[in-house]
Structure formats: C-alpha cells, structure tokens
Amino acid sequence: MNIQITSRKFKAKEPLKNFIHAELNSLAKLNSDIQGADVILSFENVVEETKIAEIILQIPGKTCTAKEASEDFGKSIALAVQKIEKQLIKIKSRKVDNKRTDKVLEKVEEESTEENEV
C-alpha cells in the first residue's frame, strides 16, 4: 500500500510516521484492494493546539475519508482509522450481500427454467 504523509506547518517525526504506517497497514486485513492512503496532519488553533488527522483511502471504485481532531496526533489518527474500519466493514458486507443475492437469483432462474422445460 502506498502511504503519503503530509504534515502542515510542522515536520512529522519518525515515531509518528511509524505509528501511521502500522495503523494503516492493519486496515489491509479488512480489504486487500487498498491502493493507497493520504494522511494529512495539521494544527487548528495555536492556542488550544487542536491536532487534526485526515485520512483519505483509495479503493477501486470508492474513496473512504475520515477526519478527527484531538489534543494528540496519535489519538486523532487512531480515531480516524476506526472510522475508516467501519467504512471498510460496511463496504465488505455490501459485497457479500450482493454476491448472496446474485446466487439466490441464479438458483431461482435455474428452477424456473427447469419448470418451464417440464
């Protein structure tokens, strides 16, 4: 998976980058078709130091996005990854449901053609 990390108004340190890579690589378990991810890290207010993490995940035919803000980048990233996980699970369940529906429709069509032949 291609992971692009952009940090606005600061330079992200290596431990933070490693954490991002570990979190995003865990998403590969849910969907093996992930093409790439863009992670954007930024500050909202200098006084309150709200740290924002935005993740944009590219999957064939879809784009999943999540944006979270907290007092720590690690927490923001973890929360955004949780949102992406929910989206990936929903996409996967829709695929499974569609496959099941297709199989049921095929069986019904086969049964109806067999009845028409008799």
PDB file of N, CA and C in Angstrom:
ATOM      1  N   MET A   1       0.835  -1.167   0.000  1.00  0.00           N
ATOM      2  CA  MET A   1       0.000   0.000   0.000  1.00  0.00           C
ATOM      3  C   MET A   1       0.888   1.241   0.000  1.00  0.00           C
ATOM      4  N   ASN A   2       0.538   2.191  -0.828  1.00  0.00           N
ATOM      5  CA  ASN A   2       1.279   3.438  -0.921  1.00  0.00           C
ATOM      6  C   ASN A   2       0.702   4.439   0.082  1.00  0.00           C
ATOM      7  N   ILE A   3       1.505   4.873   1.035  1.00  0.00           N
ATOM      8  CA  ILE A   3       1.056   5.802   2.068  1.00  0.00           C
ATOM      9  C   ILE A   3       1.794   7.119   1.912  1.00  0.00           C
ATOM     10  N   GLN A   4       1.030   8.187   1.727  1.00  0.00           N
ATOM     11  CA  GLN A   4       1.584   9.535   1.570  1.00  0.00           C
ATOM     12  C   GLN A   4       1.232  10.332   2.828  1.00  0.00           C
ATOM     13  N   ILE A   5       2.240  10.818   3.544  1.00  0.00           N
ATOM     14  CA  ILE A   5       2.012  11.581   4.770  1.00  0.00           C
ATOM     15  C   ILE A   5       2.377  13.038   4.523  1.00  0.00           C
ATOM     16  N   THR A   6       1.411  13.926   4.782  1.00  0.00           N
ATOM     17  CA  THR A   6       1.630  15.361   4.629  1.00  0.00           C
ATOM     18  C   THR A   6       1.427  16.010   5.983  1.00  0.00           C
ATOM     19  N   SER A   7       2.417  16.758   6.443  1.00  0.00           N
ATOM     20  CA  SER A   7       2.276  17.483   7.708  1.00  0.00           C
ATOM     21  C   SER A   7       2.351  18.974   7.392  1.00  0.00           C
ATOM     22  N   ARG A   8       1.317  19.668   7.799  1.00  0.00           N
ATOM     23  CA  ARG A   8       1.223  21.104   7.521  1.00  0.00           C
ATOM     24  C   ARG A   8       1.726  21.907   8.721  1.00  0.00           C
ATOM     25  N   LYS A   9       2.594  22.853   8.437  1.00  0.00           N
ATOM     26  CA  LYS A   9       3.147  23.792   9.428  1.00  0.00           C
ATOM     27  C   LYS A   9       4.074  23.145  10.456  1.00  0.00           C
ATOM     28  N   PHE A  10       4.479  21.903  10.223  1.00  0.00           N
ATOM     29  CA  PHE A  10       5.459  21.261  11.104  1.00  0.00           C
ATOM     30  C   PHE A  10       6.047  20.065  10.374  1.00  0.00           C
ATOM     31  N   LYS A  11       7.072  19.483  10.946  1.00  0.00           N
ATOM     32  CA  LYS A  11       7.702  18.295  10.359  1.00  0.00           C
ATOM     33  C   LYS A  11       7.377  17.103  11.252  1.00  0.00           C
ATOM     34  N   ALA A  12       6.732  16.085  10.676  1.00  0.00           N
ATOM     35  CA  ALA A  12       6.367  14.887  11.434  1.00  0.00           C
ATOM     36  C   ALA A  12       7.630  14.082  11.749  1.00  0.00           C
ATOM     37  N   LYS A  13       7.719  13.630  12.995  1.00  0.00           N
ATOM     38  CA  LYS A  13       8.883  12.845  13.414  1.00  0.00           C
ATOM     39  C   LYS A  13       8.695  11.384  13.039  1.00  0.00           C
ATOM     40  N   GLU A  14       9.785  10.662  13.036  1.00  0.00           N
ATOM     41  CA  GLU A  14       9.799   9.258  12.604  1.00  0.00           C
ATOM     42  C   GLU A  14       8.869   8.355  13.422  1.00  0.00           C
ATOM     43  N   PRO A  15       8.815   8.482  14.766  1.00  0.00           N
ATOM     44  CA  PRO A  15       7.897   7.621  15.519  1.00  0.00           C
ATOM     45  C   PRO A  15       6.431   7.814  15.109  1.00  0.00           C
ATOM     46  N   LEU A  16       6.047   9.048  14.822  1.00  0.00           N
ATOM     47  CA  LEU A  16       4.681   9.330  14.381  1.00  0.00           C
ATOM     48  C   LEU A  16       4.423   8.690  13.018  1.00  0.00           C
ATOM     49  N   LYS A  17       5.396   8.786  12.117  1.00  0.00           N
ATOM     50  CA  LYS A  17       5.252   8.159  10.797  1.00  0.00           C
ATOM     51  C   LYS A  17       5.144   6.643  10.915  1.00  0.00           C
ATOM     52  N   ASN A  18       5.943   6.047  11.795  1.00  0.00           N
ATOM     53  CA  ASN A  18       5.880   4.599  12.004  1.00  0.00           C
ATOM     54  C   ASN A  18       4.523   4.183  12.557  1.00  0.00           C
ATOM     55  N   PHE A  19       3.982   4.992  13.479  1.00  0.00           N
ATOM     56  CA  PHE A  19       2.655   4.716  14.036  1.00  0.00           C
ATOM     57  C   PHE A  19       1.591   4.758  12.945  1.00  0.00           C
ATOM     58  N   ILE A  20       1.668   5.751  12.076  1.00  0.00           N
ATOM     59  CA  ILE A  20       0.715   5.877  10.967  1.00  0.00           C
ATOM     60  C   ILE A  20       0.793   4.656  10.059  1.00  0.00           C
ATOM     61  N   HIS A  21       2.009   4.252   9.702  1.00  0.00           N
ATOM     62  CA  HIS A  21       2.185   3.080   8.836  1.00  0.00           C
ATOM     63  C   HIS A  21       1.610   1.823   9.488  1.00  0.00           C
ATOM     64  N   ALA A  22       1.849   1.648  10.784  1.00  0.00           N
ATOM     65  CA  ALA A  22       1.339   0.463  11.482  1.00  0.00           C
ATOM     66  C   ALA A  22      -0.188   0.457  11.504  1.00  0.00           C
ATOM     67  N   GLU A  23      -0.786   1.595  11.791  1.00  0.00           N
ATOM     68  CA  GLU A  23      -2.251   1.687  11.849  1.00  0.00           C
ATOM     69  C   GLU A  23      -2.881   1.427  10.478  1.00  0.00           C
ATOM     70  N   LEU A  24      -2.311   2.022   9.443  1.00  0.00           N
ATOM     71  CA  LEU A  24      -2.890   1.867   8.107  1.00  0.00           C
ATOM     72  C   LEU A  24      -2.643   0.470   7.536  1.00  0.00           C
ATOM     73  N   ASN A  25      -1.518  -0.132   7.877  1.00  0.00           N
ATOM     74  CA  ASN A  25      -1.269  -1.499   7.411  1.00  0.00           C
ATOM     75  C   ASN A  25      -2.230  -2.494   8.055  1.00  0.00           C
ATOM     76  N   SER A  26      -2.743  -2.158   9.244  1.00  0.00           N
ATOM     77  CA  SER A  26      -3.732  -3.037   9.878  1.00  0.00           C
ATOM     78  C   SER A  26      -5.055  -3.029   9.097  1.00  0.00           C
ATOM     79  N   LEU A  27      -5.295  -1.990   8.317  1.00  0.00           N
ATOM     80  CA  LEU A  27      -6.520  -1.922   7.505  1.00  0.00           C
ATOM     81  C   LEU A  27      -6.492  -2.917   6.346  1.00  0.00           C
ATOM     82  N   ALA A  28      -5.308  -3.358   5.963  1.00  0.00           N
ATOM     83  CA  ALA A  28      -5.184  -4.309   4.852  1.00  0.00           C
ATOM     84  C   ALA A  28      -5.865  -5.634   5.177  1.00  0.00           C
ATOM     85  N   LYS A  29      -6.046  -5.934   6.463  1.00  0.00           N
ATOM     86  CA  LYS A  29      -6.748  -7.153   6.858  1.00  0.00           C
ATOM     87  C   LYS A  29      -8.221  -7.093   6.458  1.00  0.00           C
ATOM     88  N   LEU A  30      -8.785  -5.884   6.459  1.00  0.00           N
ATOM     89  CA  LEU A  30     -10.196  -5.728   6.142  1.00  0.00           C
ATOM     90  C   LEU A  30     -10.458  -5.671   4.645  1.00  0.00           C
ATOM     91  N   ASN A  31      -9.507  -5.132   3.895  1.00  0.00           N
ATOM     92  CA  ASN A  31      -9.678  -5.017   2.453  1.00  0.00           C
ATOM     93  C   ASN A  31      -8.308  -5.076   1.789  1.00  0.00           C
ATOM     94  N   SER A  32      -8.087  -6.090   0.998  1.00  0.00           N
ATOM     95  CA  SER A  32      -6.784  -6.257   0.357  1.00  0.00           C
ATOM     96  C   SER A  32      -6.644  -5.440  -0.931  1.00  0.00           C
ATOM     97  N   ASP A  33      -7.729  -4.764  -1.343  1.00  0.00           N
ATOM     98  CA  ASP A  33      -7.707  -3.980  -2.579  1.00  0.00           C
ATOM     99  C   ASP A  33      -7.312  -2.522  -2.369  1.00  0.00           C
ATOM    100  N   ILE A  34      -6.857  -2.168  -1.185  1.00  0.00           N
ATOM    101  CA  ILE A  34      -6.499  -0.777  -0.908  1.00  0.00           C
ATOM    102  C   ILE A  34      -5.314  -0.381  -1.773  1.00  0.00           C
ATOM    103  N   GLN A  35      -5.500   0.674  -2.559  1.00  0.00           N
ATOM    104  CA  GLN A  35      -4.449   1.118  -3.472  1.00  0.00           C
ATOM    105  C   GLN A  35      -3.483   2.076  -2.802  1.00  0.00           C
ATOM    106  N   GLY A  36      -3.998   2.968  -1.975  1.00  0.00           N
ATOM    107  CA  GLY A  36      -3.123   3.933  -1.333  1.00  0.00           C
ATOM    108  C   GLY A  36      -3.862   4.734  -0.291  1.00  0.00           C
ATOM    109  N   ALA A  37      -3.098   5.482   0.486  1.00  0.00           N
ATOM    110  CA  ALA A  37      -3.675   6.303   1.537  1.00  0.00           C
ATOM    111  C   ALA A  37      -2.931   7.626   1.615  1.00  0.00           C
ATOM    112  N   ASP A  38      -3.682   8.691   1.799  1.00  0.00           N
ATOM    113  CA  ASP A  38      -3.119  10.013   2.034  1.00  0.00           C
ATOM    114  C   ASP A  38      -3.474  10.417   3.455  1.00  0.00           C
ATOM    115  N   VAL A  39      -2.472  10.786   4.238  1.00  0.00           N
ATOM    116  CA  VAL A  39      -2.686  11.226   5.611  1.00  0.00           C
ATOM    117  C   VAL A  39      -2.241  12.678   5.704  1.00  0.00           C
ATOM    118  N   ILE A  40      -3.149  13.529   6.164  1.00  0.00           N
ATOM    119  CA  ILE A  40      -2.854  14.955   6.297  1.00  0.00           C
ATOM    120  C   ILE A  40      -2.919  15.318   7.773  1.00  0.00           C
ATOM    121  N   LEU A  41      -1.821  15.814   8.302  1.00  0.00           N
ATOM    122  CA  LEU A  41      -1.722  16.209   9.708  1.00  0.00           C
ATOM    123  C   LEU A  41      -1.601  17.725   9.786  1.00  0.00           C
ATOM    124  N   SER A  42      -2.399  18.348  10.670  1.00  0.00           N
ATOM    125  CA  SER A  42      -2.341  19.800  10.778  1.00  0.00           C
ATOM    126  C   SER A  42      -2.784  20.257  12.166  1.00  0.00           C
ATOM    127  N   PHE A  43      -2.537  21.539  12.447  1.00  0.00           N
ATOM    128  CA  PHE A  43      -2.983  22.183  13.680  1.00  0.00           C
ATOM    129  C   PHE A  43      -4.171  23.064  13.343  1.00  0.00           C
ATOM    130  N   GLU A  44      -5.131  23.153  14.259  1.00  0.00           N
ATOM    131  CA  GLU A  44      -6.261  24.040  14.025  1.00  0.00           C
ATOM    132  C   GLU A  44      -6.042  25.386  14.703  1.00  0.00           C
ATOM    133  N   ASN A  45      -5.782  25.372  15.996  1.00  0.00           N
ATOM    134  CA  ASN A  45      -5.532  26.604  16.736  1.00  0.00           C
ATOM    135  C   ASN A  45      -4.191  26.499  17.442  1.00  0.00           C
ATOM    136  N   VAL A  46      -3.439  27.560  17.395  1.00  0.00           N
ATOM    137  CA  VAL A  46      -2.144  27.556  18.061  1.00  0.00           C
ATOM    138  C   VAL A  46      -2.344  27.605  19.577  1.00  0.00           C
ATOM    139  N   VAL A  47      -3.373  28.320  20.030  1.00  0.00           N
ATOM    140  CA  VAL A  47      -3.623  28.473  21.460  1.00  0.00           C
ATOM    141  C   VAL A  47      -4.069  27.149  22.078  1.00  0.00           C
ATOM    142  N   GLU A  48      -5.086  26.515  21.500  1.00  0.00           N
ATOM    143  CA  GLU A  48      -5.620  25.269  22.049  1.00  0.00           C
ATOM    144  C   GLU A  48      -4.843  24.051  21.573  1.00  0.00           C
ATOM    145  N   GLU A  49      -4.070  24.198  20.534  1.00  0.00           N
ATOM    146  CA  GLU A  49      -3.278  23.127  19.942  1.00  0.00           C
ATOM    147  C   GLU A  49      -4.115  21.888  19.614  1.00  0.00           C
ATOM    148  N   THR A  50      -5.201  22.113  18.889  1.00  0.00           N
ATOM    149  CA  THR A  50      -6.016  21.009  18.409  1.00  0.00           C
ATOM    150  C   THR A  50      -5.310  20.389  17.219  1.00  0.00           C
ATOM    151  N   LYS A  51      -5.045  19.091  17.319  1.00  0.00           N
ATOM    152  CA  LYS A  51      -4.308  18.391  16.266  1.00  0.00           C
ATOM    153  C   LYS A  51      -5.290  17.578  15.432  1.00  0.00           C
ATOM    154  N   ILE A  52      -5.225  17.769  14.119  1.00  0.00           N
ATOM    155  CA  ILE A  52      -6.174  17.163  13.194  1.00  0.00           C
ATOM    156  C   ILE A  52      -5.469  16.137  12.321  1.00  0.00           C
ATOM    157  N   ALA A  53      -6.111  14.981  12.182  1.00  0.00           N
ATOM    158  CA  ALA A  53      -5.618  13.942  11.280  1.00  0.00           C
ATOM    159  C   ALA A  53      -6.737  13.615  10.295  1.00  0.00           C
ATOM    160  N   GLU A  54      -6.416  13.686   9.023  1.00  0.00           N
ATOM    161  CA  GLU A  54      -7.374  13.345   7.972  1.00  0.00           C
ATOM    162  C   GLU A  54      -6.776  12.211   7.142  1.00  0.00           C
ATOM    163  N   ILE A  55      -7.575  11.164   6.926  1.00  0.00           N
ATOM    164  CA  ILE A  55      -7.126  10.009   6.150  1.00  0.00           C
ATOM    165  C   ILE A  55      -8.027   9.861   4.938  1.00  0.00           C
ATOM    166  N   ILE A  56      -7.408   9.741   3.774  1.00  0.00           N
ATOM    167  CA  ILE A  56      -8.132   9.513   2.524  1.00  0.00           C
ATOM    168  C   ILE A  56      -7.607   8.199   1.959  1.00  0.00           C
ATOM    169  N   LEU A  57      -8.488   7.219   1.856  1.00  0.00           N
ATOM    170  CA  LEU A  57      -8.115   5.864   1.452  1.00  0.00           C
ATOM    171  C   LEU A  57      -8.707   5.575   0.080  1.00  0.00           C
ATOM    172  N   GLN A  58      -7.869   5.138  -0.868  1.00  0.00           N
ATOM    173  CA  GLN A  58      -8.337   4.832  -2.211  1.00  0.00           C
ATOM    174  C   GLN A  58      -8.530   3.328  -2.370  1.00  0.00           C
ATOM    175  N   ILE A  59      -9.745   2.957  -2.771  1.00  0.00           N
ATOM    176  CA  ILE A  59     -10.102   1.579  -3.077  1.00  0.00           C
ATOM    177  C   ILE A  59     -10.693   1.629  -4.478  1.00  0.00           C
ATOM    178  N   PRO A  60     -10.518   0.584  -5.287  1.00  0.00           N
ATOM    179  CA  PRO A  60     -11.106   0.606  -6.629  1.00  0.00           C
ATOM    180  C   PRO A  60     -12.610   0.905  -6.584  1.00  0.00           C
ATOM    181  N   GLY A  61     -12.993   2.006  -7.201  1.00  0.00           N
ATOM    182  CA  GLY A  61     -14.395   2.388  -7.270  1.00  0.00           C
ATOM    183  C   GLY A  61     -14.891   3.202  -6.095  1.00  0.00           C
ATOM    184  N   LYS A  62     -14.089   3.370  -5.055  1.00  0.00           N
ATOM    185  CA  LYS A  62     -14.523   4.098  -3.859  1.00  0.00           C
ATOM    186  C   LYS A  62     -13.363   4.877  -3.247  1.00  0.00           C
ATOM    187  N   THR A  63     -13.731   5.890  -2.467  1.00  0.00           N
ATOM    188  CA  THR A  63     -12.766   6.635  -1.672  1.00  0.00           C
ATOM    189  C   THR A  63     -13.348   6.779  -0.275  1.00  0.00           C
ATOM    190  N   CYS A  64     -12.619   6.344   0.727  1.00  0.00           N
ATOM    191  CA  CYS A  64     -13.052   6.464   2.120  1.00  0.00           C
ATOM    192  C   CYS A  64     -12.269   7.598   2.767  1.00  0.00           C
ATOM    193  N   THR A  65     -12.988   8.455   3.486  1.00  0.00           N
ATOM    194  CA  THR A  65     -12.316   9.557   4.163  1.00  0.00           C
ATOM    195  C   THR A  65     -12.764   9.625   5.624  1.00  0.00           C
ATOM    196  N   ALA A  66     -11.864  10.082   6.465  1.00  0.00           N
ATOM    197  CA  ALA A  66     -12.168  10.296   7.878  1.00  0.00           C
ATOM    198  C   ALA A  66     -11.296  11.430   8.386  1.00  0.00           C
ATOM    199  N   LYS A  67     -11.901  12.265   9.223  1.00  0.00           N
ATOM    200  CA  LYS A  67     -11.172  13.399   9.792  1.00  0.00           C
ATOM    201  C   LYS A  67     -11.496  13.461  11.277  1.00  0.00           C
ATOM    202  N   GLU A  68     -10.454  13.530  12.096  1.00  0.00           N
ATOM    203  CA  GLU A  68     -10.623  13.577  13.548  1.00  0.00           C
ATOM    204  C   GLU A  68      -9.707  14.626  14.148  1.00  0.00           C
ATOM    205  N   ALA A  69     -10.168  15.216  15.242  1.00  0.00           N
ATOM    206  CA  ALA A  69      -9.368  16.214  15.953  1.00  0.00           C
ATOM    207  C   ALA A  69      -9.325  15.868  17.432  1.00  0.00           C
ATOM    208  N   SER A  70      -8.158  16.052  18.032  1.00  0.00           N
ATOM    209  CA  SER A  70      -7.990  15.850  19.474  1.00  0.00           C
ATOM    210  C   SER A  70      -6.747  16.606  19.930  1.00  0.00           C
ATOM    211  N   GLU A  71      -6.346  16.381  21.180  1.00  0.00           N
ATOM    212  CA  GLU A  71      -5.173  17.081  21.714  1.00  0.00           C
ATOM    213  C   GLU A  71      -3.867  16.379  21.376  1.00  0.00           C
ATOM    214  N   ASP A  72      -3.960  15.180  20.721  1.00  0.00           N
ATOM    215  CA  ASP A  72      -2.765  14.392  20.417  1.00  0.00           C
ATOM    216  C   ASP A  72      -2.900  13.783  19.021  1.00  0.00           C
ATOM    217  N   PHE A  73      -1.824  13.786  18.243  1.00  0.00           N
ATOM    218  CA  PHE A  73      -1.882  13.222  16.896  1.00  0.00           C
ATOM    219  C   PHE A  73      -2.161  11.721  16.921  1.00  0.00           C
ATOM    220  N   GLY A  74      -1.573  11.014  17.869  1.00  0.00           N
ATOM    221  CA  GLY A  74      -1.796   9.572  17.964  1.00  0.00           C
ATOM    222  C   GLY A  74      -3.265   9.243  18.154  1.00  0.00           C
ATOM    223  N   LYS A  75      -3.915   9.990  19.050  1.00  0.00           N
ATOM    224  CA  LYS A  75      -5.339   9.785  19.311  1.00  0.00           C
ATOM    225  C   LYS A  75      -6.176  10.138  18.082  1.00  0.00           C
ATOM    226  N   SER A  76      -5.848  11.238  17.419  1.00  0.00           N
ATOM    227  CA  SER A  76      -6.575  11.651  16.214  1.00  0.00           C
ATOM    228  C   SER A  76      -6.459  10.597  15.119  1.00  0.00           C
ATOM    229  N   ILE A  77      -5.259  10.063  14.941  1.00  0.00           N
ATOM    230  CA  ILE A  77      -5.032   9.044  13.914  1.00  0.00           C
ATOM    231  C   ILE A  77      -5.808   7.779  14.253  1.00  0.00           C
ATOM    232  N   ALA A  78      -5.753   7.350  15.517  1.00  0.00           N
ATOM    233  CA  ALA A  78      -6.457   6.133  15.930  1.00  0.00           C
ATOM    234  C   ALA A  78      -7.967   6.269  15.724  1.00  0.00           C
ATOM    235  N   LEU A  79      -8.522   7.427  16.053  1.00  0.00           N
ATOM    236  CA  LEU A  79      -9.953   7.648  15.868  1.00  0.00           C
ATOM    237  C   LEU A  79     -10.332   7.665  14.387  1.00  0.00           C
ATOM    238  N   ALA A  80      -9.500   8.277  13.568  1.00  0.00           N
ATOM    239  CA  ALA A  80      -9.767   8.313  12.124  1.00  0.00           C
ATOM    240  C   ALA A  80      -9.680   6.909  11.526  1.00  0.00           C
ATOM    241  N   VAL A  81      -8.724   6.109  11.987  1.00  0.00           N
ATOM    242  CA  VAL A  81      -8.593   4.733  11.499  1.00  0.00           C
ATOM    243  C   VAL A  81      -9.827   3.915  11.889  1.00  0.00           C
ATOM    244  N   GLN A  82     -10.373   4.148  13.088  1.00  0.00           N
ATOM    245  CA  GLN A  82     -11.588   3.452  13.500  1.00  0.00           C
ATOM    246  C   GLN A  82     -12.752   3.779  12.572  1.00  0.00           C
ATOM    247  N   LYS A  83     -12.857   5.046  12.174  1.00  0.00           N
ATOM    248  CA  LYS A  83     -13.917   5.443  11.238  1.00  0.00           C
ATOM    249  C   LYS A  83     -13.733   4.743   9.891  1.00  0.00           C
ATOM    250  N   ILE A  84     -12.494   4.691   9.418  1.00  0.00           N
ATOM    251  CA  ILE A  84     -12.209   4.024   8.143  1.00  0.00           C
ATOM    252  C   ILE A  84     -12.534   2.530   8.253  1.00  0.00           C
ATOM    253  N   GLU A  85     -12.210   1.911   9.385  1.00  0.00           N
ATOM    254  CA  GLU A  85     -12.519   0.489   9.581  1.00  0.00           C
ATOM    255  C   GLU A  85     -14.014   0.238   9.432  1.00  0.00           C
ATOM    256  N   LYS A  86     -14.825   1.093  10.042  1.00  0.00           N
ATOM    257  CA  LYS A  86     -16.281   0.954   9.930  1.00  0.00           C
ATOM    258  C   LYS A  86     -16.726   1.045   8.477  1.00  0.00           C
ATOM    259  N   GLN A  87     -16.136   1.980   7.730  1.00  0.00           N
ATOM    260  CA  GLN A  87     -16.492   2.131   6.327  1.00  0.00           C
ATOM    261  C   GLN A  87     -16.094   0.895   5.529  1.00  0.00           C
ATOM    262  N   LEU A  88     -14.909   0.356   5.794  1.00  0.00           N
ATOM    263  CA  LEU A  88     -14.445  -0.834   5.076  1.00  0.00           C
ATOM    264  C   LEU A  88     -15.321  -2.048   5.392  1.00  0.00           C
ATOM    265  N   ILE A  89     -15.731  -2.180   6.647  1.00  0.00           N
ATOM    266  CA  ILE A  89     -16.615  -3.293   7.028  1.00  0.00           C
ATOM    267  C   ILE A  89     -17.952  -3.164   6.309  1.00  0.00           C
ATOM    268  N   LYS A  90     -18.459  -1.960   6.216  1.00  0.00           N
ATOM    269  CA  LYS A  90     -19.734  -1.731   5.527  1.00  0.00           C
ATOM    270  C   LYS A  90     -19.611  -2.068   4.038  1.00  0.00           C
ATOM    271  N   ILE A  91     -18.505  -1.668   3.428  1.00  0.00           N
ATOM    272  CA  ILE A  91     -18.274  -1.975   2.009  1.00  0.00           C
ATOM    273  C   ILE A  91     -18.181  -3.484   1.807  1.00  0.00           C
ATOM    274  N   LYS A  92     -17.461  -4.159   2.701  1.00  0.00           N
ATOM    275  CA  LYS A  92     -17.291  -5.606   2.589  1.00  0.00           C
ATOM    276  C   LYS A  92     -18.624  -6.333   2.760  1.00  0.00           C
ATOM    277  N   SER A  93     -19.432  -5.891   3.712  1.00  0.00           N
ATOM    278  CA  SER A  93     -20.726  -6.551   3.926  1.00  0.00           C
ATOM    279  C   SER A  93     -21.654  -6.343   2.730  1.00  0.00           C
ATOM    280  N   ARG A  94     -21.572  -5.197   2.094  1.00  0.00           N
ATOM    281  CA  ARG A  94     -22.389  -4.961   0.894  1.00  0.00           C
ATOM    282  C   ARG A  94     -21.966  -5.891  -0.237  1.00  0.00           C
ATOM    283  N   LYS A  95     -20.656  -6.094  -0.382  1.00  0.00           N
ATOM    284  CA  LYS A  95     -20.172  -7.006  -1.422  1.00  0.00           C
ATOM    285  C   LYS A  95     -20.675  -8.417  -1.174  1.00  0.00           C
ATOM    286  N   VAL A  96     -20.602  -8.868   0.078  1.00  0.00           N
ATOM    287  CA  VAL A  96     -21.052 -10.213   0.433  1.00  0.00           C
ATOM    288  C   VAL A  96     -22.550 -10.343   0.197  1.00  0.00           C
ATOM    289  N   ASP A  97     -23.325  -9.339   0.605  1.00  0.00           N
ATOM    290  CA  ASP A  97     -24.769  -9.372   0.408  1.00  0.00           C
ATOM    291  C   ASP A  97     -25.117  -9.425  -1.079  1.00  0.00           C
ATOM    292  N   ASN A  98     -24.391  -8.659  -1.888  1.00  0.00           N
ATOM    293  CA  ASN A  98     -24.640  -8.657  -3.329  1.00  0.00           C
ATOM    294  C   ASN A  98     -24.335 -10.021  -3.935  1.00  0.00           C
ATOM    295  N   LYS A  99     -23.245 -10.657  -3.497  1.00  0.00           N
ATOM    296  CA  LYS A  99     -22.902 -11.980  -4.015  1.00  0.00           C
ATOM    297  C   LYS A  99     -23.967 -12.995  -3.632  1.00  0.00           C
ATOM    298  N   ARG A 100     -24.451 -12.926  -2.389  1.00  0.00           N
ATOM    299  CA  ARG A 100     -25.500 -13.843  -1.934  1.00  0.00           C
ATOM    300  C   ARG A 100     -26.775 -13.624  -2.735  1.00  0.00           C
ATOM    301  N   THR A 101     -27.139 -12.387  -2.977  1.00  0.00           N
ATOM    302  CA  THR A 101     -28.338 -12.076  -3.749  1.00  0.00           C
ATOM    303  C   THR A 101     -28.203 -12.610  -5.169  1.00  0.00           C
ATOM    304  N   ASP A 102     -27.025 -12.445  -5.762  1.00  0.00           N
ATOM    305  CA  ASP A 102     -26.797 -12.950  -7.111  1.00  0.00           C
ATOM    306  C   ASP A 102     -26.951 -14.465  -7.160  1.00  0.00           C
ATOM    307  N   LYS A 103     -26.422 -15.176  -6.156  1.00  0.00           N
ATOM    308  CA  LYS A 103     -26.527 -16.637  -6.120  1.00  0.00           C
ATOM    309  C   LYS A 103     -27.981 -17.071  -5.981  1.00  0.00           C
ATOM    310  N   VAL A 104     -28.746 -16.379  -5.150  1.00  0.00           N
ATOM    311  CA  VAL A 104     -30.159 -16.720  -4.965  1.00  0.00           C
ATOM    312  C   VAL A 104     -30.917 -16.482  -6.264  1.00  0.00           C
ATOM    313  N   LEU A 105     -30.627 -15.391  -6.935  1.00  0.00           N
ATOM    314  CA  LEU A 105     -31.297 -15.096  -8.204  1.00  0.00           C
ATOM    315  C   LEU A 105     -30.959 -16.143  -9.263  1.00  0.00           C
ATOM    316  N   GLU A 106     -29.701 -16.588  -9.279  1.00  0.00           N
ATOM    317  CA  GLU A 106     -29.310 -17.629 -10.233  1.00  0.00           C
ATOM    318  C   GLU A 106     -30.073 -18.921  -9.967  1.00  0.00           C
ATOM    319  N   LYS A 107     -30.217 -19.295  -8.695  1.00  0.00           N
ATOM    320  CA  LYS A 107     -30.955 -20.509  -8.346  1.00  0.00           C
ATOM    321  C   LYS A 107     -32.415 -20.394  -8.755  1.00  0.00           C
ATOM    322  N   VAL A 108     -33.019 -19.249  -8.517  1.00  0.00           N
ATOM    323  CA  VAL A 108     -34.418 -19.037  -8.881  1.00  0.00           C
ATOM    324  C   VAL A 108     -34.586 -19.129 -10.392  1.00  0.00           C
ATOM    325  N   GLU A 109     -33.668 -18.547 -11.146  1.00  0.00           N
ATOM    326  CA  GLU A 109     -33.737 -18.606 -12.610  1.00  0.00           C
ATOM    327  C   GLU A 109     -33.575 -20.034 -13.103  1.00  0.00           C
ATOM    328  N   GLU A 110     -32.652 -20.789 -12.491  1.00  0.00           N
ATOM    329  CA  GLU A 110     -32.456 -22.188 -12.875  1.00  0.00           C
ATOM    330  C   GLU A 110     -33.706 -23.002 -12.596  1.00  0.00           C
ATOM    331  N   GLU A 111     -34.325 -22.789 -11.443  1.00  0.00           N
ATOM    332  CA  GLU A 111     -35.542 -23.530 -11.088  1.00  0.00           C
ATOM    333  C   GLU A 111     -36.687 -23.183 -12.029  1.00  0.00           C
ATOM    334  N   SER A 112     -36.791 -21.914 -12.393  1.00  0.00           N
ATOM    335  CA  SER A 112     -37.892 -21.509 -13.283  1.00  0.00           C
ATOM    336  C   SER A 112     -37.683 -22.056 -14.699  1.00  0.00           C
ATOM    337  N   THR A 113     -36.439 -22.156 -15.172  1.00  0.00           N
ATOM    338  CA  THR A 113     -36.197 -22.721 -16.498  1.00  0.00           C
ATOM    339  C   THR A 113     -36.437 -24.219 -16.488  1.00  0.00           C
ATOM    340  N   GLU A 114     -36.131 -24.886 -15.355  1.00  0.00           N
ATOM    341  CA  GLU A 114     -36.395 -26.316 -15.250  1.00  0.00           C
ATOM    342  C   GLU A 114     -37.902 -26.595 -15.241  1.00  0.00           C
ATOM    343  N   GLU A 115     -38.686 -25.749 -14.568  1.00  0.00           N
ATOM    344  CA  GLU A 115     -40.126 -25.913 -14.538  1.00  0.00           C
ATOM    345  C   GLU A 115     -40.733 -25.666 -15.913  1.00  0.00           C
ATOM    346  N   ASN A 116     -40.186 -24.725 -16.656  1.00  0.00           N
ATOM    347  CA  ASN A 116     -40.700 -24.413 -17.984  1.00  0.00           C
ATOM    348  C   ASN A 116     -40.411 -25.553 -18.972  1.00  0.00           C
ATOM    349  N   GLU A 117     -39.338 -26.279 -18.757  1.00  0.00           N
ATOM    350  CA  GLU A 117     -38.975 -27.386 -19.647  1.00  0.00           C
ATOM    351  C   GLU A 117     -39.882 -28.590 -19.422  1.00  0.00           C
ATOM    352  N   VAL A 118     -40.390 -28.766 -18.211  1.00  0.00           N
ATOM    353  CA  VAL A 118     -41.232 -29.928 -17.871  1.00  0.00           C
ATOM    354  C   VAL A 118     -42.607 -29.731 -18.332  1.00  0.00           C
TER     355      VAL A 118
END
